[in-house]
Amino acid sequence: GLKVEKLGRSSAKELEKHLSSGHLVIA
């Protein structure tokens, strides 16, 4: 029941945005 966003290779800015928003990022 969770929302998932596939970030691919991503970037520092994108990871910071998600983590600052309280999201968890599985790597």
mmCIF file of all heavy atoms, coordinates in Angstrom:
data_MODEL
# 
_entry.id   MODEL 
# 
loop_
_atom_site.group_PDB 
_atom_site.id 
_atom_site.type_symbol 
_atom_site.label_atom_id 
_atom_site.label_alt_id 
_atom_site.label_comp_id 
_atom_site.label_asym_id 
_atom_site.label_entity_id 
_atom_site.label_seq_id 
_atom_site.pdbx_PDB_ins_code 
_atom_site.Cartn_x 
_atom_site.Cartn_y 
_atom_site.Cartn_z 
_atom_site.occupancy 
_atom_site.B_iso_or_equiv 
_atom_site.pdbx_formal_charge 
_atom_site.auth_seq_id 
_atom_site.auth_comp_id 
_atom_site.auth_asym_id 
_atom_site.auth_atom_id 
_atom_site.pdbx_PDB_model_num 
ATOM 1   N N   . GLY A 1 1  ? 0.772  -1.237 0.000   1.00 0.00 ? 1  GLY A N   1 
ATOM 2   C CA  . GLY A 1 1  ? 0.000  0.000  0.000   1.00 0.00 ? 1  GLY A CA  1 
ATOM 3   C C   . GLY A 1 1  ? 0.803  1.286  0.000   1.00 0.00 ? 1  GLY A C   1 
ATOM 4   O O   . GLY A 1 1  ? 0.277  2.348  0.352   1.00 0.00 ? 1  GLY A O   1 
ATOM 5   N N   . LEU A 1 2  ? 2.071  1.220  -0.402  1.00 0.00 ? 2  LEU A N   1 
ATOM 6   C CA  . LEU A 1 2  ? 2.912  2.409  -0.414  1.00 0.00 ? 2  LEU A CA  1 
ATOM 7   C C   . LEU A 1 2  ? 3.086  2.959  -1.832  1.00 0.00 ? 2  LEU A C   1 
ATOM 8   O O   . LEU A 1 2  ? 2.910  2.235  -2.812  1.00 0.00 ? 2  LEU A O   1 
ATOM 9   C CB  . LEU A 1 2  ? 4.293  2.082  0.176   1.00 0.00 ? 2  LEU A CB  1 
ATOM 10  C CG  . LEU A 1 2  ? 4.294  1.627  1.641   1.00 0.00 ? 2  LEU A CG  1 
ATOM 11  C CD1 . LEU A 1 2  ? 5.696  1.226  2.058   1.00 0.00 ? 2  LEU A CD1 1 
ATOM 12  C CD2 . LEU A 1 2  ? 3.757  2.729  2.554   1.00 0.00 ? 2  LEU A CD2 1 
ATOM 13  N N   . LYS A 1 3  ? 3.441  4.216  -1.920  1.00 0.00 ? 3  LYS A N   1 
ATOM 14  C CA  . LYS A 1 3  ? 3.745  4.842  -3.197  1.00 0.00 ? 3  LYS A CA  1 
ATOM 15  C C   . LYS A 1 3  ? 5.231  4.634  -3.507  1.00 0.00 ? 3  LYS A C   1 
ATOM 16  O O   . LYS A 1 3  ? 6.070  4.703  -2.602  1.00 0.00 ? 3  LYS A O   1 
ATOM 17  C CB  . LYS A 1 3  ? 3.434  6.339  -3.156  1.00 0.00 ? 3  LYS A CB  1 
ATOM 18  C CG  . LYS A 1 3  ? 1.960  6.660  -2.929  1.00 0.00 ? 3  LYS A CG  1 
ATOM 19  C CD  . LYS A 1 3  ? 1.753  8.170  -2.833  1.00 0.00 ? 3  LYS A CD  1 
ATOM 20  C CE  . LYS A 1 3  ? 0.297  8.500  -2.555  1.00 0.00 ? 3  LYS A CE  1 
ATOM 21  N NZ  . LYS A 1 3  ? 0.087  9.973  -2.401  1.00 0.00 ? 3  LYS A NZ  1 
ATOM 22  N N   . VAL A 1 4  ? 5.533  4.399  -4.763  1.00 0.00 ? 4  VAL A N   1 
ATOM 23  C CA  . VAL A 1 4  ? 6.926  4.152  -5.158  1.00 0.00 ? 4  VAL A CA  1 
ATOM 24  C C   . VAL A 1 4  ? 7.267  5.029  -6.347  1.00 0.00 ? 4  VAL A C   1 
ATOM 25  O O   . VAL A 1 4  ? 6.501  5.114  -7.307  1.00 0.00 ? 4  VAL A O   1 
ATOM 26  C CB  . VAL A 1 4  ? 7.161  2.676  -5.546  1.00 0.00 ? 4  VAL A CB  1 
ATOM 27  C CG1 . VAL A 1 4  ? 8.636  2.434  -5.826  1.00 0.00 ? 4  VAL A CG1 1 
ATOM 28  C CG2 . VAL A 1 4  ? 6.667  1.748  -4.470  1.00 0.00 ? 4  VAL A CG2 1 
ATOM 29  N N   . GLU A 1 5  ? 8.414  5.677  -6.266  1.00 0.00 ? 5  GLU A N   1 
ATOM 30  C CA  . GLU A 1 5  ? 8.927  6.438  -7.408  1.00 0.00 ? 5  GLU A CA  1 
ATOM 31  C C   . GLU A 1 5  ? 10.283 5.861  -7.794  1.00 0.00 ? 5  GLU A C   1 
ATOM 32  O O   . GLU A 1 5  ? 11.191 5.800  -6.967  1.00 0.00 ? 5  GLU A O   1 
ATOM 33  C CB  . GLU A 1 5  ? 9.073  7.917  -7.063  1.00 0.00 ? 5  GLU A CB  1 
ATOM 34  C CG  . GLU A 1 5  ? 9.470  8.769  -8.257  1.00 0.00 ? 5  GLU A CG  1 
ATOM 35  C CD  . GLU A 1 5  ? 9.499  10.258 -7.956  1.00 0.00 ? 5  GLU A CD  1 
ATOM 36  O OE1 . GLU A 1 5  ? 8.907  10.665 -6.923  1.00 0.00 ? 5  GLU A OE1 1 
ATOM 37  O OE2 . GLU A 1 5  ? 10.132 11.009 -8.732  1.00 0.00 ? 5  GLU A OE2 1 
ATOM 38  N N   . LYS A 1 6  ? 10.393 5.407  -9.035  1.00 0.00 ? 6  LYS A N   1 
ATOM 39  C CA  . LYS A 1 6  ? 11.648 4.833  -9.519  1.00 0.00 ? 6  LYS A CA  1 
ATOM 40  C C   . LYS A 1 6  ? 12.583 5.973  -9.902  1.00 0.00 ? 6  LYS A C   1 
ATOM 41  O O   . LYS A 1 6  ? 12.319 6.723  -10.843 1.00 0.00 ? 6  LYS A O   1 
ATOM 42  C CB  . LYS A 1 6  ? 11.378 3.924  -10.723 1.00 0.00 ? 6  LYS A CB  1 
ATOM 43  C CG  . LYS A 1 6  ? 10.444 2.762  -10.400 1.00 0.00 ? 6  LYS A CG  1 
ATOM 44  C CD  . LYS A 1 6  ? 10.085 1.965  -11.654 1.00 0.00 ? 6  LYS A CD  1 
ATOM 45  C CE  . LYS A 1 6  ? 9.127  0.831  -11.329 1.00 0.00 ? 6  LYS A CE  1 
ATOM 46  N NZ  . LYS A 1 6  ? 8.732  0.072  -12.550 1.00 0.00 ? 6  LYS A NZ  1 
ATOM 47  N N   . LEU A 1 7  ? 13.680 6.105  -9.179  1.00 0.00 ? 7  LEU A N   1 
ATOM 48  C CA  . LEU A 1 7  ? 14.579 7.248  -9.360  1.00 0.00 ? 7  LEU A CA  1 
ATOM 49  C C   . LEU A 1 7  ? 15.740 6.964  -10.307 1.00 0.00 ? 7  LEU A C   1 
ATOM 50  O O   . LEU A 1 7  ? 16.482 7.878  -10.650 1.00 0.00 ? 7  LEU A O   1 
ATOM 51  C CB  . LEU A 1 7  ? 15.139 7.692  -8.006  1.00 0.00 ? 7  LEU A CB  1 
ATOM 52  C CG  . LEU A 1 7  ? 14.106 8.050  -6.922  1.00 0.00 ? 7  LEU A CG  1 
ATOM 53  C CD1 . LEU A 1 7  ? 14.823 8.523  -5.661  1.00 0.00 ? 7  LEU A CD1 1 
ATOM 54  C CD2 . LEU A 1 7  ? 13.129 9.106  -7.421  1.00 0.00 ? 7  LEU A CD2 1 
ATOM 55  N N   . GLY A 1 8  ? 15.938 5.715  -10.711 1.00 0.00 ? 8  GLY A N   1 
ATOM 56  C CA  . GLY A 1 8  ? 17.058 5.399  -11.596 1.00 0.00 ? 8  GLY A CA  1 
ATOM 57  C C   . GLY A 1 8  ? 18.374 5.756  -10.936 1.00 0.00 ? 8  GLY A C   1 
ATOM 58  O O   . GLY A 1 8  ? 18.567 5.579  -9.727  1.00 0.00 ? 8  GLY A O   1 
ATOM 59  N N   . ARG A 1 9  ? 19.299 6.283  -11.737 1.00 0.00 ? 9  ARG A N   1 
ATOM 60  C CA  . ARG A 1 9  ? 20.619 6.650  -11.207 1.00 0.00 ? 9  ARG A CA  1 
ATOM 61  C C   . ARG A 1 9  ? 20.536 7.836  -10.255 1.00 0.00 ? 9  ARG A C   1 
ATOM 62  O O   . ARG A 1 9  ? 21.372 8.008  -9.382  1.00 0.00 ? 9  ARG A O   1 
ATOM 63  C CB  . ARG A 1 9  ? 21.578 6.994  -12.366 1.00 0.00 ? 9  ARG A CB  1 
ATOM 64  C CG  . ARG A 1 9  ? 22.059 5.800  -13.145 1.00 0.00 ? 9  ARG A CG  1 
ATOM 65  C CD  . ARG A 1 9  ? 22.914 4.891  -12.282 1.00 0.00 ? 9  ARG A CD  1 
ATOM 66  N NE  . ARG A 1 9  ? 24.070 5.582  -11.722 1.00 0.00 ? 9  ARG A NE  1 
ATOM 67  C CZ  . ARG A 1 9  ? 24.806 5.127  -10.728 1.00 0.00 ? 9  ARG A CZ  1 
ATOM 68  N NH1 . ARG A 1 9  ? 24.482 3.990  -10.147 1.00 0.00 ? 9  ARG A NH1 1 
ATOM 69  N NH2 . ARG A 1 9  ? 25.846 5.787  -10.299 1.00 0.00 ? 9  ARG A NH2 1 
ATOM 70  N N   . SER A 1 10 ? 19.538 8.697  -10.427 1.00 0.00 ? 10 SER A N   1 
ATOM 71  C CA  . SER A 1 10 ? 19.263 9.808  -9.523  1.00 0.00 ? 10 SER A CA  1 
ATOM 72  C C   . SER A 1 10 ? 20.426 10.812 -9.431  1.00 0.00 ? 10 SER A C   1 
ATOM 73  O O   . SER A 1 10 ? 21.392 10.750 -10.176 1.00 0.00 ? 10 SER A O   1 
ATOM 74  C CB  . SER A 1 10 ? 18.900 9.283  -8.133  1.00 0.00 ? 10 SER A CB  1 
ATOM 75  O OG  . SER A 1 10 ? 18.263 10.292 -7.376  1.00 0.00 ? 10 SER A OG  1 
ATOM 76  N N   . SER A 1 11 ? 20.298 11.732 -8.496  1.00 0.00 ? 11 SER A N   1 
ATOM 77  C CA  . SER A 1 11 ? 21.315 12.771 -8.289  1.00 0.00 ? 11 SER A CA  1 
ATOM 78  C C   . SER A 1 11 ? 21.291 13.170 -6.823  1.00 0.00 ? 11 SER A C   1 
ATOM 79  O O   . SER A 1 11 ? 20.350 12.844 -6.086  1.00 0.00 ? 11 SER A O   1 
ATOM 80  C CB  . SER A 1 11 ? 21.011 14.000 -9.152  1.00 0.00 ? 11 SER A CB  1 
ATOM 81  O OG  . SER A 1 11 ? 19.774 14.595 -8.747  1.00 0.00 ? 11 SER A OG  1 
ATOM 82  N N   . ALA A 1 12 ? 22.307 13.896 -6.392  1.00 0.00 ? 12 ALA A N   1 
ATOM 83  C CA  . ALA A 1 12 ? 22.366 14.348 -5.004  1.00 0.00 ? 12 ALA A CA  1 
ATOM 84  C C   . ALA A 1 12 ? 21.156 15.230 -4.679  1.00 0.00 ? 12 ALA A C   1 
ATOM 85  O O   . ALA A 1 12 ? 20.534 15.088 -3.622  1.00 0.00 ? 12 ALA A O   1 
ATOM 86  C CB  . ALA A 1 12 ? 23.669 15.109 -4.770  1.00 0.00 ? 12 ALA A CB  1 
ATOM 87  N N   . LYS A 1 13 ? 20.803 16.096 -5.614  1.00 0.00 ? 13 LYS A N   1 
ATOM 88  C CA  . LYS A 1 13 ? 19.683 17.011 -5.393  1.00 0.00 ? 13 LYS A CA  1 
ATOM 89  C C   . LYS A 1 13 ? 18.372 16.246 -5.230  1.00 0.00 ? 13 LYS A C   1 
ATOM 90  O O   . LYS A 1 13 ? 17.554 16.566 -4.358  1.00 0.00 ? 13 LYS A O   1 
ATOM 91  C CB  . LYS A 1 13 ? 19.583 17.992 -6.565  1.00 0.00 ? 13 LYS A CB  1 
ATOM 92  C CG  . LYS A 1 13 ? 18.514 19.060 -6.391  1.00 0.00 ? 13 LYS A CG  1 
ATOM 93  C CD  . LYS A 1 13 ? 18.537 20.040 -7.548  1.00 0.00 ? 13 LYS A CD  1 
ATOM 94  C CE  . LYS A 1 13 ? 17.487 21.120 -7.381  1.00 0.00 ? 13 LYS A CE  1 
ATOM 95  N NZ  . LYS A 1 13 ? 17.506 22.088 -8.524  1.00 0.00 ? 13 LYS A NZ  1 
ATOM 96  N N   . GLU A 1 14 ? 18.169 15.233 -6.059  1.00 0.00 ? 14 GLU A N   1 
ATOM 97  C CA  . GLU A 1 14 ? 16.925 14.468 -6.003  1.00 0.00 ? 14 GLU A CA  1 
ATOM 98  C C   . GLU A 1 14 ? 16.843 13.647 -4.724  1.00 0.00 ? 14 GLU A C   1 
ATOM 99  O O   . GLU A 1 14 ? 15.782 13.590 -4.078  1.00 0.00 ? 14 GLU A O   1 
ATOM 100 C CB  . GLU A 1 14 ? 16.806 13.559 -7.227  1.00 0.00 ? 14 GLU A CB  1 
ATOM 101 C CG  . GLU A 1 14 ? 15.452 12.872 -7.356  1.00 0.00 ? 14 GLU A CG  1 
ATOM 102 C CD  . GLU A 1 14 ? 15.295 12.175 -8.684  1.00 0.00 ? 14 GLU A CD  1 
ATOM 103 O OE1 . GLU A 1 14 ? 16.307 11.685 -9.232  1.00 0.00 ? 14 GLU A OE1 1 
ATOM 104 O OE2 . GLU A 1 14 ? 14.155 12.104 -9.177  1.00 0.00 ? 14 GLU A OE2 1 
ATOM 105 N N   . LEU A 1 15 ? 17.941 13.004 -4.337  1.00 0.00 ? 15 LEU A N   1 
ATOM 106 C CA  . LEU A 1 15 ? 17.935 12.235 -3.099  1.00 0.00 ? 15 LEU A CA  1 
ATOM 107 C C   . LEU A 1 15 ? 17.684 13.140 -1.898  1.00 0.00 ? 15 LEU A C   1 
ATOM 108 O O   . LEU A 1 15 ? 16.908 12.793 -0.994  1.00 0.00 ? 15 LEU A O   1 
ATOM 109 C CB  . LEU A 1 15 ? 19.269 11.500 -2.928  1.00 0.00 ? 15 LEU A CB  1 
ATOM 110 C CG  . LEU A 1 15 ? 19.555 10.335 -3.879  1.00 0.00 ? 15 LEU A CG  1 
ATOM 111 C CD1 . LEU A 1 15 ? 20.900 9.695  -3.541  1.00 0.00 ? 15 LEU A CD1 1 
ATOM 112 C CD2 . LEU A 1 15 ? 18.453 9.286  -3.829  1.00 0.00 ? 15 LEU A CD2 1 
ATOM 113 N N   . GLU A 1 16 ? 18.318 14.299 -1.879  1.00 0.00 ? 16 GLU A N   1 
ATOM 114 C CA  . GLU A 1 16 ? 18.117 15.255 -0.789  1.00 0.00 ? 16 GLU A CA  1 
ATOM 115 C C   . GLU A 1 16 ? 16.657 15.682 -0.708  1.00 0.00 ? 16 GLU A C   1 
ATOM 116 O O   . GLU A 1 16 ? 16.090 15.809 0.386   1.00 0.00 ? 16 GLU A O   1 
ATOM 117 C CB  . GLU A 1 16 ? 19.020 16.474 -0.992  1.00 0.00 ? 16 GLU A CB  1 
ATOM 118 C CG  . GLU A 1 16 ? 20.497 16.193 -0.748  1.00 0.00 ? 16 GLU A CG  1 
ATOM 119 C CD  . GLU A 1 16 ? 21.387 17.361 -1.158  1.00 0.00 ? 16 GLU A CD  1 
ATOM 120 O OE1 . GLU A 1 16 ? 20.841 18.368 -1.682  1.00 0.00 ? 16 GLU A OE1 1 
ATOM 121 O OE2 . GLU A 1 16 ? 22.611 17.265 -0.975  1.00 0.00 ? 16 GLU A OE2 1 
ATOM 122 N N   . LYS A 1 17 ? 16.029 15.895 -1.863  1.00 0.00 ? 17 LYS A N   1 
ATOM 123 C CA  . LYS A 1 17 ? 14.624 16.317 -1.896  1.00 0.00 ? 17 LYS A CA  1 
ATOM 124 C C   . LYS A 1 17 ? 13.724 15.263 -1.247  1.00 0.00 ? 17 LYS A C   1 
ATOM 125 O O   . LYS A 1 17 ? 12.880 15.580 -0.402  1.00 0.00 ? 17 LYS A O   1 
ATOM 126 C CB  . LYS A 1 17 ? 14.183 16.552 -3.338  1.00 0.00 ? 17 LYS A CB  1 
ATOM 127 C CG  . LYS A 1 17 ? 12.724 16.982 -3.490  1.00 0.00 ? 17 LYS A CG  1 
ATOM 128 C CD  . LYS A 1 17 ? 12.292 16.981 -4.947  1.00 0.00 ? 17 LYS A CD  1 
ATOM 129 C CE  . LYS A 1 17 ? 12.118 15.554 -5.457  1.00 0.00 ? 17 LYS A CE  1 
ATOM 130 N NZ  . LYS A 1 17 ? 11.537 15.516 -6.834  1.00 0.00 ? 17 LYS A NZ  1 
ATOM 131 N N   . HIS A 1 18 ? 13.903 14.015 -1.614  1.00 0.00 ? 18 HIS A N   1 
ATOM 132 C CA  . HIS A 1 18 ? 13.056 12.954 -1.075  1.00 0.00 ? 18 HIS A CA  1 
ATOM 133 C C   . HIS A 1 18 ? 13.322 12.724 0.405   1.00 0.00 ? 18 HIS A C   1 
ATOM 134 O O   . HIS A 1 18 ? 12.382 12.572 1.199   1.00 0.00 ? 18 HIS A O   1 
ATOM 135 C CB  . HIS A 1 18 ? 13.275 11.662 -1.860  1.00 0.00 ? 18 HIS A CB  1 
ATOM 136 C CG  . HIS A 1 18 ? 12.612 11.644 -3.193  1.00 0.00 ? 18 HIS A CG  1 
ATOM 137 N ND1 . HIS A 1 18 ? 11.254 11.461 -3.359  1.00 0.00 ? 18 HIS A ND1 1 
ATOM 138 C CD2 . HIS A 1 18 ? 13.110 11.817 -4.445  1.00 0.00 ? 18 HIS A CD2 1 
ATOM 139 C CE1 . HIS A 1 18 ? 10.945 11.504 -4.643  1.00 0.00 ? 18 HIS A CE1 1 
ATOM 140 N NE2 . HIS A 1 18 ? 12.056 11.717 -5.329  1.00 0.00 ? 18 HIS A NE2 1 
ATOM 141 N N   . LEU A 1 19 ? 14.582 12.689 0.789   1.00 0.00 ? 19 LEU A N   1 
ATOM 142 C CA  . LEU A 1 19 ? 14.909 12.432 2.189   1.00 0.00 ? 19 LEU A CA  1 
ATOM 143 C C   . LEU A 1 19 ? 14.471 13.587 3.088   1.00 0.00 ? 19 LEU A C   1 
ATOM 144 O O   . LEU A 1 19 ? 14.050 13.367 4.226   1.00 0.00 ? 19 LEU A O   1 
ATOM 145 C CB  . LEU A 1 19 ? 16.414 12.176 2.335   1.00 0.00 ? 19 LEU A CB  1 
ATOM 146 C CG  . LEU A 1 19 ? 16.930 10.908 1.640   1.00 0.00 ? 19 LEU A CG  1 
ATOM 147 C CD1 . LEU A 1 19 ? 18.452 10.826 1.728   1.00 0.00 ? 19 LEU A CD1 1 
ATOM 148 C CD2 . LEU A 1 19 ? 16.297 9.657  2.248   1.00 0.00 ? 19 LEU A CD2 1 
ATOM 149 N N   . SER A 1 20 ? 14.544 14.808 2.588   1.00 0.00 ? 20 SER A N   1 
ATOM 150 C CA  . SER A 1 20 ? 14.100 15.977 3.362   1.00 0.00 ? 20 SER A CA  1 
ATOM 151 C C   . SER A 1 20 ? 12.584 15.999 3.518   1.00 0.00 ? 20 SER A C   1 
ATOM 152 O O   . SER A 1 20 ? 12.055 16.626 4.443   1.00 0.00 ? 20 SER A O   1 
ATOM 153 C CB  . SER A 1 20 ? 14.560 17.269 2.678   1.00 0.00 ? 20 SER A CB  1 
ATOM 154 O OG  . SER A 1 20 ? 15.972 17.339 2.628   1.00 0.00 ? 20 SER A OG  1 
ATOM 155 N N   . SER A 1 21 ? 11.888 15.295 2.614   1.00 0.00 ? 21 SER A N   1 
ATOM 156 C CA  . SER A 1 21 ? 10.422 15.251 2.650   1.00 0.00 ? 21 SER A CA  1 
ATOM 157 C C   . SER A 1 21 ? 9.900  14.118 3.522   1.00 0.00 ? 21 SER A C   1 
ATOM 158 O O   . SER A 1 21 ? 8.687  13.896 3.597   1.00 0.00 ? 21 SER A O   1 
ATOM 159 C CB  . SER A 1 21 ? 9.869  15.091 1.230   1.00 0.00 ? 21 SER A CB  1 
ATOM 160 O OG  . SER A 1 21 ? 10.264 16.171 0.409   1.00 0.00 ? 21 SER A OG  1 
ATOM 161 N N   . GLY A 1 22 ? 10.809 13.374 4.152   1.00 0.00 ? 22 GLY A N   1 
ATOM 162 C CA  . GLY A 1 22 ? 10.390 12.278 5.001   1.00 0.00 ? 22 GLY A CA  1 
ATOM 163 C C   . GLY A 1 22 ? 10.193 10.972 4.270   1.00 0.00 ? 22 GLY A C   1 
ATOM 164 O O   . GLY A 1 22 ? 9.713  9.989  4.854   1.00 0.00 ? 22 GLY A O   1 
ATOM 165 N N   . HIS A 1 23 ? 10.529 10.953 2.972   1.00 0.00 ? 23 HIS A N   1 
ATOM 166 C CA  . HIS A 1 23 ? 10.444 9.702  2.229   1.00 0.00 ? 23 HIS A CA  1 
ATOM 167 C C   . HIS A 1 23 ? 11.626 8.810  2.600   1.00 0.00 ? 23 HIS A C   1 
ATOM 168 O O   . HIS A 1 23 ? 12.686 9.300  3.002   1.00 0.00 ? 23 HIS A O   1 
ATOM 169 C CB  . HIS A 1 23 ? 10.471 9.968  0.717   1.00 0.00 ? 23 HIS A CB  1 
ATOM 170 C CG  . HIS A 1 23 ? 9.333  10.796 0.233   1.00 0.00 ? 23 HIS A CG  1 
ATOM 171 N ND1 . HIS A 1 23 ? 9.244  11.278 -1.053  1.00 0.00 ? 23 HIS A ND1 1 
ATOM 172 C CD2 . HIS A 1 23 ? 8.216  11.238 0.866   1.00 0.00 ? 23 HIS A CD2 1 
ATOM 173 C CE1 . HIS A 1 23 ? 8.143  11.979 -1.191  1.00 0.00 ? 23 HIS A CE1 1 
ATOM 174 N NE2 . HIS A 1 23 ? 7.509  11.984 -0.041  1.00 0.00 ? 23 HIS A NE2 1 
ATOM 175 N N   . LEU A 1 24 ? 11.441 7.516  2.453   1.00 0.00 ? 24 LEU A N   1 
ATOM 176 C CA  . LEU A 1 24 ? 12.551 6.585  2.568   1.00 0.00 ? 24 LEU A CA  1 
ATOM 177 C C   . LEU A 1 24 ? 12.987 6.205  1.163   1.00 0.00 ? 24 LEU A C   1 
ATOM 178 O O   . LEU A 1 24 ? 12.163 6.126  0.252   1.00 0.00 ? 24 LEU A O   1 
ATOM 179 C CB  . LEU A 1 24 ? 12.136 5.332  3.341   1.00 0.00 ? 24 LEU A CB  1 
ATOM 180 C CG  . LEU A 1 24 ? 11.679 5.558  4.789   1.00 0.00 ? 24 LEU A CG  1 
ATOM 181 C CD1 . LEU A 1 24 ? 11.287 4.239  5.438   1.00 0.00 ? 24 LEU A CD1 1 
ATOM 182 C CD2 . LEU A 1 24 ? 12.758 6.260  5.608   1.00 0.00 ? 24 LEU A CD2 1 
ATOM 183 N N   . VAL A 1 25 ? 14.282 5.982  0.980   1.00 0.00 ? 25 VAL A N   1 
ATOM 184 C CA  . VAL A 1 25 ? 14.803 5.591  -0.325  1.00 0.00 ? 25 VAL A CA  1 
ATOM 185 C C   . VAL A 1 25 ? 15.522 4.261  -0.160  1.00 0.00 ? 25 VAL A C   1 
ATOM 186 O O   . VAL A 1 25 ? 16.479 4.155  0.604   1.00 0.00 ? 25 VAL A O   1 
ATOM 187 C CB  . VAL A 1 25 ? 15.772 6.646  -0.900  1.00 0.00 ? 25 VAL A CB  1 
ATOM 188 C CG1 . VAL A 1 25 ? 16.367 6.153  -2.219  1.00 0.00 ? 25 VAL A CG1 1 
ATOM 189 C CG2 . VAL A 1 25 ? 15.057 7.981  -1.110  1.00 0.00 ? 25 VAL A CG2 1 
ATOM 190 N N   . ILE A 1 26 ? 15.024 3.238  -0.842  1.00 0.00 ? 26 ILE A N   1 
ATOM 191 C CA  . ILE A 1 26 ? 15.703 1.940  -0.823  1.00 0.00 ? 26 ILE A CA  1 
ATOM 192 C C   . ILE A 1 26 ? 16.707 1.926  -1.965  1.00 0.00 ? 26 ILE A C   1 
ATOM 193 O O   . ILE A 1 26 ? 16.389 2.326  -3.092  1.00 0.00 ? 26 ILE A O   1 
ATOM 194 C CB  . ILE A 1 26 ? 14.692 0.783  -0.957  1.00 0.00 ? 26 ILE A CB  1 
ATOM 195 C CG1 . ILE A 1 26 ? 13.714 0.817  0.222   1.00 0.00 ? 26 ILE A CG1 1 
ATOM 196 C CG2 . ILE A 1 26 ? 15.419 -0.560 -1.003  1.00 0.00 ? 26 ILE A CG2 1 
ATOM 197 C CD1 . ILE A 1 26 ? 12.650 -0.258 0.182   1.00 0.00 ? 26 ILE A CD1 1 
ATOM 198 N N   . ALA A 1 27 ? 17.922 1.490  -1.672  1.00 0.00 ? 27 ALA A N   1 
ATOM 199 C CA  . ALA A 1 27 ? 19.001 1.509  -2.662  1.00 0.00 ? 27 ALA A CA  1 
ATOM 200 C C   . ALA A 1 27 ? 19.638 0.129  -2.771  1.00 0.00 ? 27 ALA A C   1 
ATOM 201 O O   . ALA A 1 27 ? 19.737 -0.600 -1.779  1.00 0.00 ? 27 ALA A O   1 
ATOM 202 C CB  . ALA A 1 27 ? 20.068 2.539  -2.273  1.00 0.00 ? 27 ALA A CB  1 
# 
